[in-house]
Amino acid sequence: MSKVLFVYAKGGPPLGYALSRVAARSAVHLLALSTLPPTVAPAAERLCASVLSPAGSEQDDLVSLIVSRAEAVGADAVVTFSEYAVVAVAEACAKLGLAGAGGSSALARDKRLMRRTWMQRGISQPRFRPVADEQEFRDAAATLRLPLLLKAAWSAGSTAHQIIRSADEIPAAWERAGAVMAESAELGYAELHVAGAGGDFLVEEIVPGTAEGWFDQSGWGDYVSVEGVVADGEFRPVCLSGRMPTVAPFTERAGITPAALPDDAQRRIVALARDAVDALGLENCGTHTEIKLGADGRMWVIETAARFGGAMTVPQIEEVFGLDLIGMLVDHLLGRPVVWPAQTLTSQEARGAAGSLVVLAVDAAGDAWPDRRVWDFPTVRDAVPVSDGGRLSVVAENSLPDGAPVPVYDPAAGANTMAALCLLSATDPEAVLRDFQALVHALPKILPLAGATEARS
């Protein structure tokens, strides 16, 4: 039987979901670089031929650790679905002679290298400058058009994003960005292979995005993502995911599959995504490419990744299109034949729609809730009706336990301050969007007050 080494770190699809799909294709050995979620640990023991949680000092040379573990278990393939382990796994696969993302995987991880590559290819993107210290930040602000977005080069989940509207804001923003990256590292949301990655940043101009003219229904965000895979160097787009508007500065609130876009718009978006992915020279990996939409059909590539979309993107695709992308990628890495979609899938091929909502303590306008609340999914389920045929659930692995206080939203910390992740299935993407809008509106009113919960206890 084939053997797969699964390198787990935080981020990516829920571990329980991903692990079950890998285990269905092969014997799986788990190398856990992050602590296993309590809700998943029993299943991991049952599904895996072995589970190894190396000490922190053993992770200092992560590539060697992965190589030695793969050799010890006789792995025929090595996979990860975490942004933070992509480069290390790609380098380990190269050393082992196994199929992987390839030697240019860092181009799909370090946003500075990514943007330079696209600039050399003339691919549409926001103007940018890499910055390594406060003085470089000031120099960049003098050459780019304000307002600017400061972002960490190796982050995910909009961590450390800050909008700069004047040069006077630079010192505080720079200090806060460094602090947020340090806090994220403590939480396990940090690059695992590249030393000092938390100090690498870039600034970019904020392009004028708009959803108007792209979607027939109001309420959609002004960007989409193209989900796909690179197989033997060929980009294979699978589908597009739509979004709700982000929470300031640019924290994602919800992803919806499929995107409710006309076919001609989807073709144009996929063509730009193909140019962006092809430019990076990837070999064998999932891909997730974010594209900003503008007026008069303008588009800009924001970033891409050598892994599948995080949160519930992959489970949503399986529910809507019947494609187990994780299992298909594992089969491909093991040398088995895989039939990828011949063309990008749309609402016409979908069996309904699905979306995932990040619960943040902000309302639809992005303003903070007026008081502290505690997370309680049974209250949400019972108090907020969904559209006919809809089903609302909570992703326990990515959510606080019922009764836990909802964190105060921190714009610089982004998704680090989420309380829960909700999954909604419905008849079409428009219904998912409407139900999510209703949910965002209701949460600060229906969730129990933090003080009231403490008084009862």
Protein backbone atom coordinates (compact mmCIF):
# COMPACT_ATOMS: atom_id res chain seq x y z
CA MET A 1 0.00 0.00 0.00
CA SER A 2 1.22 3.50 -0.78
CA LYS A 3 2.41 5.70 2.08
CA VAL A 4 1.98 9.44 2.44
CA LEU A 5 3.70 11.70 4.93
CA PHE A 6 1.24 14.45 5.88
CA VAL A 7 3.03 17.49 7.30
CA TYR A 8 0.53 19.35 9.45
CA ALA A 9 0.76 22.97 10.57
CA LYS A 10 -1.89 25.58 11.28
CA GLY A 11 -3.86 27.03 8.40
CA GLY A 12 -5.36 25.36 5.35
CA PRO A 13 -8.49 23.18 5.28
CA PRO A 14 -9.64 21.73 8.63
CA LEU A 15 -7.26 18.95 9.63
CA GLY A 16 -10.04 16.44 10.27
CA TYR A 17 -11.37 16.90 6.76
CA ALA A 18 -7.97 16.81 5.05
CA LEU A 19 -6.72 13.84 7.05
CA SER A 20 -9.73 11.70 6.20
CA ARG A 21 -9.28 12.40 2.47
CA VAL A 22 -5.58 11.50 2.53
CA ALA A 23 -6.23 8.36 4.58
CA ALA A 24 -8.83 7.22 2.04
CA ARG A 25 -6.12 7.15 -0.65
CA SER A 26 -3.13 5.78 1.23
CA ALA A 27 -1.59 4.81 4.52
CA VAL A 28 -0.84 8.14 6.18
CA HIS A 29 1.90 9.11 8.61
CA LEU A 30 1.31 12.44 10.35
CA LEU A 31 4.15 14.82 11.16
CA ALA A 32 2.51 17.39 13.42
CA LEU A 33 4.40 20.68 13.53
CA SER A 34 1.50 22.29 15.40
CA THR A 35 -0.52 20.92 18.29
CA LEU A 36 -3.41 18.84 17.00
CA PRO A 37 -6.86 20.38 17.57
CA PRO A 38 -8.54 18.55 20.49
CA THR A 39 -11.52 17.70 18.30
CA VAL A 40 -9.25 15.93 15.79
CA ALA A 41 -6.67 14.15 17.95
CA PRO A 42 -8.73 10.94 18.48
CA ALA A 43 -9.42 10.66 14.74
CA ALA A 44 -5.75 11.19 13.96
CA GLU A 45 -4.79 8.26 16.16
CA ARG A 46 -7.38 6.11 14.39
CA LEU A 47 -6.63 7.16 10.81
CA CYS A 48 -2.84 7.39 10.90
CA ALA A 49 -0.25 4.66 10.82
CA SER A 50 1.90 6.93 12.99
CA VAL A 51 1.72 10.38 14.58
CA LEU A 52 4.92 12.24 15.42
CA SER A 53 4.99 15.60 17.19
CA PRO A 54 8.63 16.72 17.15
CA ALA A 55 10.04 18.97 19.83
CA GLY A 56 10.61 22.59 18.94
CA SER A 57 14.37 22.18 18.66
CA GLU A 58 13.88 19.39 16.10
CA GLN A 59 12.11 21.87 13.82
CA ASP A 60 15.16 24.14 13.51
CA ASP A 61 16.13 22.32 10.31
CA LEU A 62 12.67 21.60 9.04
CA VAL A 63 13.63 20.27 5.61
CA SER A 64 15.98 17.69 7.14
CA LEU A 65 13.30 16.72 9.63
CA ILE A 66 10.75 16.11 6.86
CA VAL A 67 13.27 14.22 4.73
CA SER A 68 14.34 11.95 7.59
CA ARG A 69 10.76 11.23 8.61
CA ALA A 70 9.72 10.50 5.02
CA GLU A 71 12.63 8.09 4.66
CA ALA A 72 11.85 6.44 8.00
CA VAL A 73 8.24 5.67 7.03
CA GLY A 74 9.02 4.93 3.38
CA ALA A 75 6.79 7.73 2.09
CA ASP A 76 5.81 7.66 -1.58
CA ALA A 77 4.56 11.26 -1.34
CA VAL A 78 4.76 14.18 1.07
CA VAL A 79 1.90 16.69 1.38
CA THR A 80 1.01 19.77 3.34
CA PHE A 81 -1.97 22.08 3.12
CA SER A 82 -0.56 24.78 5.36
CA GLU A 83 0.80 28.03 3.98
CA TYR A 84 3.50 27.99 6.64
CA ALA A 85 5.02 24.65 5.61
CA VAL A 86 4.73 24.88 1.80
CA VAL A 87 8.32 25.88 1.09
CA ALA A 88 9.86 23.35 3.48
CA VAL A 89 7.79 20.49 2.04
CA ALA A 90 8.63 21.52 -1.53
CA GLU A 91 12.35 21.52 -0.74
CA ALA A 92 12.06 18.19 1.06
CA CYS A 93 10.26 16.62 -1.91
CA ALA A 94 13.05 17.82 -4.20
CA LYS A 95 15.66 16.17 -1.97
CA LEU A 96 13.62 12.97 -1.83
CA GLY A 97 13.01 12.88 -5.58
CA LEU A 98 9.24 13.04 -5.04
CA ALA A 99 6.65 15.11 -6.88
CA GLY A 100 6.03 18.47 -5.21
CA ALA A 101 5.51 22.17 -5.74
CA GLY A 102 9.04 22.51 -7.10
CA GLY A 103 12.08 24.69 -6.65
CA SER A 104 10.23 27.95 -7.27
CA SER A 105 7.71 27.41 -4.48
CA ALA A 106 9.08 30.42 -2.58
CA LEU A 107 7.79 32.63 -5.40
CA ALA A 108 4.28 31.64 -4.35
CA ARG A 109 5.02 32.30 -0.67
CA ASP A 110 7.18 35.42 -0.36
CA LYS A 111 4.97 38.23 -1.62
CA ARG A 112 8.02 40.34 -2.51
CA LEU A 113 9.40 37.69 -4.88
CA MET A 114 5.92 36.99 -6.20
CA ARG A 115 5.31 40.63 -7.08
CA ARG A 116 8.75 41.07 -8.66
CA THR A 117 8.14 38.07 -10.88
CA TRP A 118 4.78 39.42 -12.00
CA MET A 119 6.25 42.86 -12.59
CA GLN A 120 8.88 41.34 -14.90
CA ARG A 121 6.08 39.59 -16.82
CA GLY A 122 3.92 42.71 -17.07
CA ILE A 123 1.06 41.11 -15.15
CA SER A 124 -1.54 43.53 -13.81
CA GLN A 125 -1.06 44.13 -10.08
CA PRO A 126 -0.92 47.04 -7.61
CA ARG A 127 2.31 49.06 -7.57
CA PHE A 128 4.46 48.00 -4.62
CA ARG A 129 7.79 48.30 -2.82
CA PRO A 130 9.53 45.83 -0.48
CA VAL A 131 10.38 47.36 2.91
CA ALA A 132 12.78 46.00 5.52
CA ASP A 133 12.84 48.89 8.01
CA GLU A 134 11.09 52.13 8.85
CA GLN A 135 13.30 54.23 6.58
CA GLU A 136 12.56 52.02 3.57
CA PHE A 137 8.90 52.33 4.51
CA ARG A 138 9.19 56.13 4.39
CA ASP A 139 11.04 55.99 1.06
CA ALA A 140 8.34 53.77 -0.42
CA ALA A 141 5.59 56.08 0.81
CA ALA A 142 7.31 58.97 -0.95
CA THR A 143 7.26 57.18 -4.32
CA LEU A 144 3.86 55.43 -4.19
CA ARG A 145 0.37 56.94 -4.16
CA LEU A 146 -1.33 57.17 -0.78
CA PRO A 147 -3.21 55.50 0.79
CA LEU A 148 -0.97 52.44 1.04
CA LEU A 149 -1.38 48.96 2.43
CA LEU A 150 1.41 47.57 4.62
CA LYS A 151 1.45 43.78 4.64
CA ALA A 152 3.80 41.07 5.87
CA ALA A 153 5.58 39.23 3.07
CA TRP A 154 5.09 35.78 4.58
CA SER A 155 1.75 36.16 6.37
CA ALA A 156 -1.69 34.71 5.71
CA GLY A 157 -5.20 35.60 6.80
CA SER A 158 -4.60 39.37 6.40
CA THR A 159 -2.35 39.33 9.44
CA ALA A 160 -0.47 42.61 10.05
CA HIS A 161 -2.33 44.45 7.28
CA GLN A 162 -2.51 48.20 7.94
CA ILE A 163 -3.70 51.10 5.82
CA ILE A 164 -1.40 54.13 5.76
CA ARG A 165 -3.04 57.43 4.85
CA SER A 166 -0.19 59.81 5.72
CA ALA A 167 3.54 59.63 6.44
CA ASP A 168 2.81 60.54 10.06
CA GLU A 169 1.27 57.11 10.57
CA ILE A 170 4.39 55.21 9.51
CA PRO A 171 6.26 54.88 12.86
CA ALA A 172 3.26 53.50 14.76
CA ALA A 173 2.25 51.24 11.88
CA TRP A 174 5.73 49.79 11.55
CA GLU A 175 5.96 49.08 15.28
CA ARG A 176 2.51 47.52 15.36
CA ALA A 177 3.21 45.33 12.32
CA GLY A 178 6.25 43.82 13.97
CA ALA A 179 4.35 43.21 17.20
CA VAL A 180 1.46 41.49 15.40
CA MET A 181 3.81 39.16 13.55
CA ALA A 182 5.47 38.24 16.86
CA GLU A 183 2.05 37.58 18.39
CA SER A 184 1.06 35.45 15.39
CA ALA A 185 4.22 33.38 15.76
CA GLU A 186 3.27 32.67 19.38
CA LEU A 187 -0.11 31.44 18.14
CA GLY A 188 1.53 29.20 15.53
CA TYR A 189 0.59 31.33 12.52
CA ALA A 190 4.04 32.01 11.11
CA GLU A 191 6.45 30.77 8.44
CA LEU A 192 8.16 27.64 9.74
CA HIS A 193 11.14 27.36 7.42
CA VAL A 194 12.55 30.82 6.68
CA ALA A 195 14.35 32.41 9.63
CA GLY A 196 13.40 36.04 10.26
CA ALA A 197 10.43 35.92 7.88
CA GLY A 198 8.32 37.84 10.38
CA GLY A 199 10.38 40.95 9.68
CA ASP A 200 9.80 40.99 5.91
CA PHE A 201 7.17 43.42 4.60
CA LEU A 202 5.99 45.23 1.51
CA VAL A 203 3.73 48.20 0.87
CA GLU A 204 1.40 48.53 -2.08
CA GLU A 205 -0.99 51.05 -3.54
CA ILE A 206 -4.64 50.39 -2.83
CA VAL A 207 -6.33 49.89 -6.17
CA PRO A 208 -9.93 51.13 -6.64
CA GLY A 209 -11.91 47.91 -6.45
CA THR A 210 -15.62 47.63 -7.11
CA ALA A 211 -18.11 44.78 -7.49
CA GLU A 212 -20.43 46.96 -9.54
CA GLY A 213 -20.62 45.81 -13.13
CA TRP A 214 -19.37 42.33 -12.24
CA PHE A 215 -22.26 40.88 -10.19
CA ASP A 216 -25.99 41.19 -10.81
CA GLN A 217 -26.70 41.07 -7.06
CA SER A 218 -25.51 43.75 -4.64
CA GLY A 219 -23.54 42.82 -1.54
CA TRP A 220 -20.65 40.95 -3.14
CA GLY A 221 -17.05 41.84 -2.36
CA ASP A 222 -14.80 43.39 -5.00
CA TYR A 223 -12.49 40.39 -5.35
CA VAL A 224 -12.66 36.69 -6.15
CA SER A 225 -10.33 33.73 -5.93
CA VAL A 226 -9.55 31.15 -8.59
CA GLU A 227 -9.18 27.68 -7.07
CA GLY A 228 -7.08 25.20 -8.98
CA VAL A 229 -4.10 22.90 -9.18
CA VAL A 230 -0.82 22.66 -11.05
CA ALA A 231 -0.26 19.12 -12.34
CA ASP A 232 3.08 18.38 -14.01
CA GLY A 233 3.56 22.10 -14.56
CA GLU A 234 0.14 22.71 -16.14
CA PHE A 235 -2.33 25.01 -14.42
CA ARG A 236 -5.77 23.41 -14.13
CA PRO A 237 -8.39 25.92 -12.88
CA VAL A 238 -11.30 24.29 -11.05
CA CYS A 239 -13.73 27.06 -10.07
CA LEU A 240 -14.09 30.58 -8.72
CA SER A 241 -15.05 31.58 -5.19
CA GLY A 242 -16.90 34.81 -4.51
CA ARG A 243 -16.53 36.95 -1.40
CA MET A 244 -18.41 39.24 0.89
CA PRO A 245 -16.80 42.66 1.34
CA THR A 246 -13.73 42.57 3.55
CA VAL A 247 -13.55 44.07 7.05
CA ALA A 248 -11.11 46.98 7.33
CA PRO A 249 -8.32 46.94 6.51
CA PHE A 250 -8.73 43.82 4.32
CA THR A 251 -9.74 40.92 6.57
CA GLU A 252 -11.79 38.27 4.76
CA ARG A 253 -15.27 37.69 6.13
CA ALA A 254 -16.75 35.01 3.87
CA GLY A 255 -16.03 32.84 0.85
CA ILE A 256 -18.84 31.47 -1.32
CA THR A 257 -18.69 28.67 -3.91
CA PRO A 258 -19.37 29.11 -6.75
CA ALA A 259 -18.98 32.80 -7.57
CA ALA A 260 -22.14 34.22 -9.13
CA LEU A 261 -20.40 35.71 -12.16
CA PRO A 262 -21.32 35.64 -15.85
CA ASP A 263 -19.35 33.17 -17.95
CA ASP A 264 -17.48 35.82 -19.94
CA ALA A 265 -16.29 37.51 -16.75
CA GLN A 266 -15.11 34.19 -15.36
CA ARG A 267 -13.15 33.45 -18.51
CA ARG A 268 -11.34 36.79 -18.29
CA ILE A 269 -10.55 36.27 -14.60
CA VAL A 270 -9.25 32.74 -15.18
CA ALA A 271 -7.03 33.96 -18.02
CA LEU A 272 -5.36 36.47 -15.67
CA ALA A 273 -5.01 33.82 -12.96
CA ARG A 274 -3.38 31.49 -15.49
CA ASP A 275 -0.81 34.15 -16.41
CA ALA A 276 -0.07 34.72 -12.72
CA VAL A 277 0.32 31.04 -11.83
CA ASP A 278 2.29 30.15 -14.97
CA ALA A 279 4.78 32.93 -14.22
CA LEU A 280 5.75 31.27 -10.93
CA GLY A 281 6.90 27.98 -12.49
CA LEU A 282 5.14 25.65 -10.04
CA GLU A 283 5.15 21.88 -10.64
CA ASN A 284 2.63 19.88 -8.58
CA CYS A 285 0.44 21.58 -5.96
CA GLY A 286 -2.89 23.16 -5.24
CA THR A 287 -3.33 26.84 -6.08
CA HIS A 288 -5.38 29.71 -4.71
CA THR A 289 -5.20 33.00 -6.62
CA GLU A 290 -6.89 36.21 -5.45
CA ILE A 291 -7.91 38.83 -8.01
CA LYS A 292 -9.24 42.33 -7.35
CA LEU A 293 -12.08 43.56 -9.56
CA GLY A 294 -12.31 47.14 -10.76
CA ALA A 295 -14.45 49.44 -12.88
CA ASP A 296 -14.71 48.97 -16.64
CA GLY A 297 -13.45 45.38 -16.44
CA ARG A 298 -10.09 46.21 -14.85
CA MET A 299 -8.43 43.52 -12.73
CA TRP A 300 -5.33 43.17 -10.57
CA VAL A 301 -3.71 40.02 -9.18
CA ILE A 302 -3.31 40.36 -5.42
CA GLU A 303 -1.51 37.11 -4.60
CA THR A 304 -1.40 33.40 -5.27
CA ALA A 305 -0.35 30.39 -3.21
CA ALA A 306 1.09 26.95 -3.87
CA ARG A 307 -1.66 25.29 -1.84
CA PHE A 308 -5.42 25.02 -1.83
CA GLY A 309 -7.55 27.80 -0.36
CA GLY A 310 -7.87 27.75 3.41
CA ALA A 311 -10.83 27.54 5.77
CA MET A 312 -13.69 25.64 4.07
CA THR A 313 -12.80 26.38 0.43
CA VAL A 314 -11.95 22.77 -0.42
CA PRO A 315 -14.88 21.18 1.46
CA GLN A 316 -17.20 23.65 -0.27
CA ILE A 317 -15.89 22.55 -3.66
CA GLU A 318 -16.48 18.92 -2.77
CA GLU A 319 -20.03 19.64 -1.63
CA VAL A 320 -20.92 21.77 -4.65
CA PHE A 321 -19.06 20.02 -7.46
CA GLY A 322 -18.40 16.56 -6.03
CA LEU A 323 -14.63 16.92 -6.39
CA ASP A 324 -12.34 15.71 -3.61
CA LEU A 325 -9.39 17.95 -4.50
CA ILE A 326 -7.22 16.68 -1.68
CA GLY A 327 -7.73 13.06 -2.67
CA MET A 328 -7.16 13.92 -6.32
CA LEU A 329 -3.89 15.70 -5.56
CA VAL A 330 -2.70 12.78 -3.42
CA ASP A 331 -3.48 10.39 -6.28
CA HIS A 332 -1.55 12.60 -8.67
CA LEU A 333 1.48 12.82 -6.37
CA LEU A 334 1.42 9.03 -6.11
CA GLY A 335 1.50 8.70 -9.90
CA ARG A 336 -2.07 7.57 -10.31
CA PRO A 337 -4.21 8.84 -13.21
CA VAL A 338 -6.45 11.78 -12.29
CA VAL A 339 -9.13 13.40 -14.45
CA TRP A 340 -9.08 17.13 -13.72
CA PRO A 341 -11.99 19.29 -14.92
CA ALA A 342 -11.67 20.03 -18.63
CA GLN A 343 -12.82 23.61 -18.00
CA THR A 344 -13.55 25.90 -15.10
CA LEU A 345 -16.70 24.78 -13.31
CA THR A 346 -19.53 27.32 -12.85
CA SER A 347 -23.01 27.52 -11.36
CA GLN A 348 -24.27 25.51 -14.32
CA GLU A 349 -22.39 22.43 -13.09
CA ALA A 350 -22.97 23.10 -9.39
CA ARG A 351 -25.22 21.18 -7.04
CA GLY A 352 -26.35 24.18 -5.03
CA ALA A 353 -23.86 26.43 -3.26
CA ALA A 354 -21.85 26.59 -0.05
CA GLY A 355 -20.10 29.29 1.91
CA SER A 356 -18.06 29.81 5.07
CA LEU A 357 -18.35 32.85 7.32
CA VAL A 358 -15.68 34.03 9.74
CA VAL A 359 -17.34 35.38 12.88
CA LEU A 360 -15.73 38.69 13.83
CA ALA A 361 -16.98 41.21 16.39
CA VAL A 362 -17.84 43.82 13.76
CA ASP A 363 -21.10 44.66 12.00
CA ALA A 364 -21.78 44.85 8.27
CA ALA A 365 -20.22 48.32 8.08
CA GLY A 366 -17.07 47.12 9.84
CA ASP A 367 -17.88 48.89 13.12
CA ALA A 368 -17.16 47.18 16.42
CA TRP A 369 -20.03 45.57 18.31
CA PRO A 370 -21.30 47.92 21.03
CA ASP A 371 -20.79 45.36 23.79
CA ARG A 372 -18.97 42.10 24.50
CA ARG A 373 -20.71 38.86 23.59
CA VAL A 374 -19.94 35.16 24.01
CA TRP A 375 -20.00 32.64 21.20
CA ASP A 376 -22.92 30.21 21.35
CA PHE A 377 -23.78 28.31 18.18
CA PRO A 378 -27.06 26.78 19.41
CA THR A 379 -28.35 30.32 19.94
CA VAL A 380 -27.30 31.28 16.42
CA ARG A 381 -28.81 28.18 14.86
CA ASP A 382 -32.14 28.66 16.62
CA ALA A 383 -32.44 32.43 16.23
CA VAL A 384 -31.33 33.07 12.65
CA PRO A 385 -33.43 31.34 9.97
CA VAL A 386 -31.79 30.42 6.68
CA SER A 387 -33.28 30.24 3.20
CA ASP A 388 -35.46 27.27 2.22
CA GLY A 389 -33.20 24.29 1.63
CA GLY A 390 -30.33 25.89 3.56
CA ARG A 391 -28.29 24.25 6.34
CA LEU A 392 -26.13 26.13 8.85
CA SER A 393 -23.41 24.41 10.88
CA VAL A 394 -20.28 25.34 12.79
CA VAL A 395 -16.76 24.09 12.08
CA ALA A 396 -15.78 23.07 15.60
CA GLU A 397 -12.10 22.69 14.77
CA ASN A 398 -11.90 26.35 13.76
CA SER A 399 -14.21 27.79 16.41
CA LEU A 400 -14.14 28.75 20.06
CA PRO A 401 -16.18 26.52 22.37
CA ASP A 402 -19.70 27.69 23.19
CA GLY A 403 -19.56 30.13 26.09
CA ALA A 404 -16.17 31.60 25.18
CA PRO A 405 -15.99 35.42 24.85
CA VAL A 406 -15.89 36.70 21.28
CA PRO A 407 -12.52 38.47 20.87
CA VAL A 408 -12.49 42.20 20.25
CA TYR A 409 -11.68 42.69 16.57
CA ASP A 410 -8.16 43.96 15.99
CA PRO A 411 -7.73 45.33 12.45
CA ALA A 412 -3.99 44.64 12.44
CA ALA A 413 -4.40 41.08 13.71
CA GLY A 414 -6.99 40.17 11.08
CA ALA A 415 -8.30 36.62 11.31
CA ASN A 416 -6.35 36.03 14.54
CA THR A 417 -9.34 37.61 16.33
CA MET A 418 -12.03 35.35 14.84
CA ALA A 419 -14.48 33.62 17.15
CA ALA A 420 -15.87 30.91 14.90
CA LEU A 421 -16.25 29.57 11.40
CA CYS A 422 -19.77 28.83 10.15
CA LEU A 423 -20.62 26.72 7.11
CA LEU A 424 -23.79 27.27 5.10
CA SER A 425 -25.22 25.14 2.31
CA ALA A 426 -27.98 26.56 0.12
CA THR A 427 -29.65 26.26 -3.26
CA ASP A 428 -27.54 28.95 -4.95
CA PRO A 429 -24.75 31.46 -4.15
CA GLU A 430 -27.20 34.34 -3.99
CA ALA A 431 -29.03 32.61 -1.13
CA VAL A 432 -25.75 32.03 0.72
CA LEU A 433 -24.93 35.72 0.45
CA ARG A 434 -28.36 36.80 1.71
CA ASP A 435 -28.22 34.42 4.66
CA PHE A 436 -24.72 35.54 5.60
CA GLN A 437 -25.83 39.18 5.48
CA ALA A 438 -28.67 38.33 7.84
CA LEU A 439 -26.30 36.44 10.12
CA VAL A 440 -23.81 39.32 10.32
CA HIS A 441 -26.67 41.68 11.16
CA ALA A 442 -28.10 39.40 13.86
CA LEU A 443 -24.97 38.23 15.72
CA PRO A 444 -24.37 41.30 17.92
CA LYS A 445 -28.03 41.19 18.98
CA ILE A 446 -28.66 37.50 19.61
CA LEU A 447 -25.42 36.22 21.14
CA PRO A 448 -25.46 36.26 24.95
CA LEU A 449 -23.88 39.24 26.67
CA ALA A 450 -20.53 38.41 28.24
CA GLY A 451 -21.57 39.93 31.58
CA ALA A 452 -24.83 38.02 31.65
CA THR A 453 -23.02 34.74 31.06
CA GLU A 454 -20.57 35.46 33.88
CA ALA A 455 -23.44 36.36 36.21
CA ARG A 456 -25.23 33.06 35.51
CA SER A 457 -22.03 31.08 36.12
